[in-house]
Amino acid sequence: MADNYPMRMLALSMALIRQRMRDDLGIAAMIENGALSLRVKKGALFGRSASDDFRGDLNRRILEAQEYLERAQFAVTDEALVEAYEATNGTGPDADALWKEIRHRGLID
């Protein structure tokens, strides 16, 4: 089997972006339900809430990640994903992210 480095890197990028998007979705849910709020001081004695600004930026980043993942999913085959995982020798944070992506695709139970 030929070494397809660019496709493995695309698979890794996709896995890492999906992992980051899950984190972002968790943060967005905490802001939405009030468990997390951001306050900043901007030249005043009392801070103002920055949660809405942060939530807007976060939602934009989530949408961009979803769009990228939809596009990349057509290019990254199941084989490329497995090859990228095998190239990590199953260790490290990259391997963890790729393993989650493999499970997400349903390639393993």
C-alpha atoms as a PDB file:
ATOM      1  CA  MET A   1       0.000   0.000   0.000  1.00  0.00           C
ATOM      2  CA  ALA A   2       1.388   3.408  -0.982  1.00  0.00           C
ATOM      3  CA  ASP A   3       2.232   5.942   1.687  1.00  0.00           C
ATOM      4  CA  ASN A   4      -0.433   8.624   1.378  1.00  0.00           C
ATOM      5  CA  TYR A   5       0.873  11.263   3.775  1.00  0.00           C
ATOM      6  CA  PRO A   6      -1.396  14.155   2.651  1.00  0.00           C
ATOM      7  CA  MET A   7      -4.525  12.053   3.080  1.00  0.00           C
ATOM      8  CA  ARG A   8      -3.375  10.896   6.538  1.00  0.00           C
ATOM      9  CA  MET A   9      -2.783  14.512   7.554  1.00  0.00           C
ATOM     10  CA  LEU A  10      -6.234  15.483   6.302  1.00  0.00           C
ATOM     11  CA  ALA A  11      -7.710  12.615   8.332  1.00  0.00           C
ATOM     12  CA  LEU A  12      -5.819  13.799  11.413  1.00  0.00           C
ATOM     13  CA  SER A  13      -6.940  17.390  10.861  1.00  0.00           C
ATOM     14  CA  MET A  14     -10.517  16.241  10.555  1.00  0.00           C
ATOM     15  CA  ALA A  15     -10.284  14.228  13.778  1.00  0.00           C
ATOM     16  CA  LEU A  16      -8.731  17.113  15.710  1.00  0.00           C
ATOM     17  CA  ILE A  17     -11.303  19.605  14.421  1.00  0.00           C
ATOM     18  CA  ARG A  18     -14.144  17.287  15.423  1.00  0.00           C
ATOM     19  CA  GLN A  19     -12.619  16.948  18.903  1.00  0.00           C
ATOM     20  CA  ARG A  20     -12.327  20.742  19.206  1.00  0.00           C
ATOM     21  CA  MET A  21     -15.880  21.167  17.959  1.00  0.00           C
ATOM     22  CA  ARG A  22     -17.144  18.805  20.696  1.00  0.00           C
ATOM     23  CA  ASP A  23     -15.333  20.936  23.273  1.00  0.00           C
ATOM     24  CA  ASP A  24     -16.800  24.108  21.768  1.00  0.00           C
ATOM     25  CA  LEU A  25     -20.309  22.625  21.819  1.00  0.00           C
ATOM     26  CA  GLY A  26     -19.861  21.807  25.513  1.00  0.00           C
ATOM     27  CA  ILE A  27     -18.748  25.361  26.278  1.00  0.00           C
ATOM     28  CA  ALA A  28     -21.644  26.788  24.255  1.00  0.00           C
ATOM     29  CA  ALA A  29     -24.103  24.631  26.209  1.00  0.00           C
ATOM     30  CA  MET A  30     -22.647  25.857  29.520  1.00  0.00           C
ATOM     31  CA  ILE A  31     -23.026  29.486  28.407  1.00  0.00           C
ATOM     32  CA  GLU A  32     -26.559  28.804  27.210  1.00  0.00           C
ATOM     33  CA  ASN A  33     -27.726  27.240  30.476  1.00  0.00           C
ATOM     34  CA  GLY A  34     -25.958  29.850  32.617  1.00  0.00           C
ATOM     35  CA  ALA A  35     -23.323  27.549  34.117  1.00  0.00           C
ATOM     36  CA  LEU A  36     -20.602  29.734  32.570  1.00  0.00           C
ATOM     37  CA  SER A  37     -20.555  33.492  32.181  1.00  0.00           C
ATOM     38  CA  LEU A  38     -17.753  35.791  31.139  1.00  0.00           C
ATOM     39  CA  ARG A  39     -17.174  39.185  32.668  1.00  0.00           C
ATOM     40  CA  VAL A  40     -14.600  41.704  31.556  1.00  0.00           C
ATOM     41  CA  LYS A  41     -13.506  45.066  32.826  1.00  0.00           C
ATOM     42  CA  LYS A  42     -13.179  47.682  30.168  1.00  0.00           C
ATOM     43  CA  GLY A  43     -12.093  50.936  31.720  1.00  0.00           C
ATOM     44  CA  ALA A  44     -14.874  50.849  34.265  1.00  0.00           C
ATOM     45  CA  LEU A  45     -15.227  49.966  37.880  1.00  0.00           C
ATOM     46  CA  PHE A  46     -17.712  47.208  37.156  1.00  0.00           C
ATOM     47  CA  GLY A  47     -17.294  44.523  34.546  1.00  0.00           C
ATOM     48  CA  ARG A  48     -19.635  44.028  31.645  1.00  0.00           C
ATOM     49  CA  SER A  49     -20.869  40.695  30.412  1.00  0.00           C
ATOM     50  CA  ALA A  50     -18.910  39.418  27.431  1.00  0.00           C
ATOM     51  CA  SER A  51     -20.842  36.167  27.195  1.00  0.00           C
ATOM     52  CA  ASP A  52     -22.887  37.236  24.164  1.00  0.00           C
ATOM     53  CA  ASP A  53     -19.796  38.313  22.207  1.00  0.00           C
ATOM     54  CA  PHE A  54     -17.987  35.104  23.107  1.00  0.00           C
ATOM     55  CA  ARG A  55     -21.057  32.991  22.309  1.00  0.00           C
ATOM     56  CA  GLY A  56     -21.311  34.593  18.869  1.00  0.00           C
ATOM     57  CA  ASP A  57     -17.649  33.900  18.112  1.00  0.00           C
ATOM     58  CA  LEU A  58     -17.991  30.366  19.433  1.00  0.00           C
ATOM     59  CA  ASN A  59     -21.080  29.649  17.338  1.00  0.00           C
ATOM     60  CA  ARG A  60     -19.324  30.978  14.229  1.00  0.00           C
ATOM     61  CA  ARG A  61     -16.346  28.686  14.925  1.00  0.00           C
ATOM     62  CA  ILE A  62     -18.673  25.701  15.402  1.00  0.00           C
ATOM     63  CA  LEU A  63     -20.409  26.385  12.079  1.00  0.00           C
ATOM     64  CA  GLU A  64     -17.062  26.686  10.286  1.00  0.00           C
ATOM     65  CA  ALA A  65     -15.924  23.386  11.799  1.00  0.00           C
ATOM     66  CA  GLN A  66     -19.131  21.654  10.738  1.00  0.00           C
ATOM     67  CA  GLU A  67     -18.728  22.950   7.179  1.00  0.00           C
ATOM     68  CA  TYR A  68     -15.097  21.799   7.026  1.00  0.00           C
ATOM     69  CA  LEU A  69     -16.002  18.353   8.371  1.00  0.00           C
ATOM     70  CA  GLU A  70     -18.780  17.939   5.816  1.00  0.00           C
ATOM     71  CA  ARG A  71     -16.360  18.763   2.989  1.00  0.00           C
ATOM     72  CA  ALA A  72     -13.472  16.689   4.344  1.00  0.00           C
ATOM     73  CA  GLN A  73     -15.624  13.632   4.960  1.00  0.00           C
ATOM     74  CA  PHE A  74     -15.979  13.108   1.211  1.00  0.00           C
ATOM     75  CA  ALA A  75     -12.199  13.227   0.687  1.00  0.00           C
ATOM     76  CA  VAL A  76     -11.066  11.145   3.662  1.00  0.00           C
ATOM     77  CA  THR A  77     -11.808   7.503   3.090  1.00  0.00           C
ATOM     78  CA  ASP A  78     -12.183   4.974   5.854  1.00  0.00           C
ATOM     79  CA  GLU A  79      -8.893   3.429   4.733  1.00  0.00           C
ATOM     80  CA  ALA A  80      -7.055   6.762   5.016  1.00  0.00           C
ATOM     81  CA  LEU A  81      -8.443   7.220   8.503  1.00  0.00           C
ATOM     82  CA  VAL A  82      -7.266   3.779   9.590  1.00  0.00           C
ATOM     83  CA  GLU A  83      -3.850   4.341   7.953  1.00  0.00           C
ATOM     84  CA  ALA A  84      -3.488   7.638   9.816  1.00  0.00           C
ATOM     85  CA  TYR A  85      -4.279   5.843  13.074  1.00  0.00           C
ATOM     86  CA  GLU A  86      -1.796   3.065  12.309  1.00  0.00           C
ATOM     87  CA  ALA A  87       0.908   5.665  11.556  1.00  0.00           C
ATOM     88  CA  THR A  88       0.619   6.893  15.159  1.00  0.00           C
ATOM     89  CA  ASN A  89       1.356   3.372  16.468  1.00  0.00           C
ATOM     90  CA  GLY A  90      -1.757   3.800  18.600  1.00  0.00           C
ATOM     91  CA  THR A  91      -0.149   6.213  21.048  1.00  0.00           C
ATOM     92  CA  GLY A  92      -0.406   9.908  21.783  1.00  0.00           C
ATOM     93  CA  PRO A  93      -3.103  12.553  21.507  1.00  0.00           C
ATOM     94  CA  ASP A  94      -3.291  12.218  17.705  1.00  0.00           C
ATOM     95  CA  ALA A  95      -4.057   8.526  18.062  1.00  0.00           C
ATOM     96  CA  ASP A  96      -6.818   9.312  20.574  1.00  0.00           C
ATOM     97  CA  ALA A  97      -8.436  11.838  18.229  1.00  0.00           C
ATOM     98  CA  LEU A  98      -8.206   9.469  15.261  1.00  0.00           C
ATOM     99  CA  TRP A  99      -9.623   6.607  17.312  1.00  0.00           C
ATOM    100  CA  LYS A 100     -12.624   8.762  18.254  1.00  0.00           C
ATOM    101  CA  GLU A 101     -13.137   9.611  14.577  1.00  0.00           C
ATOM    102  CA  ILE A 102     -12.959   5.916  13.649  1.00  0.00           C
ATOM    103  CA  ARG A 103     -15.611   5.179  16.285  1.00  0.00           C
ATOM    104  CA  HIS A 104     -17.680   8.154  15.090  1.00  0.00           C
ATOM    105  CA  ARG A 105     -17.747   6.652  11.611  1.00  0.00           C
ATOM    106  CA  GLY A 106     -18.818   3.313  13.035  1.00  0.00           C
ATOM    107  CA  LEU A 107     -15.782   1.424  11.753  1.00  0.00           C
ATOM    108  CA  ILE A 108     -15.420  -0.322  15.097  1.00  0.00           C
ATOM    109  CA  ASP A 109     -17.745  -1.032  17.994  1.00  0.00           C
END
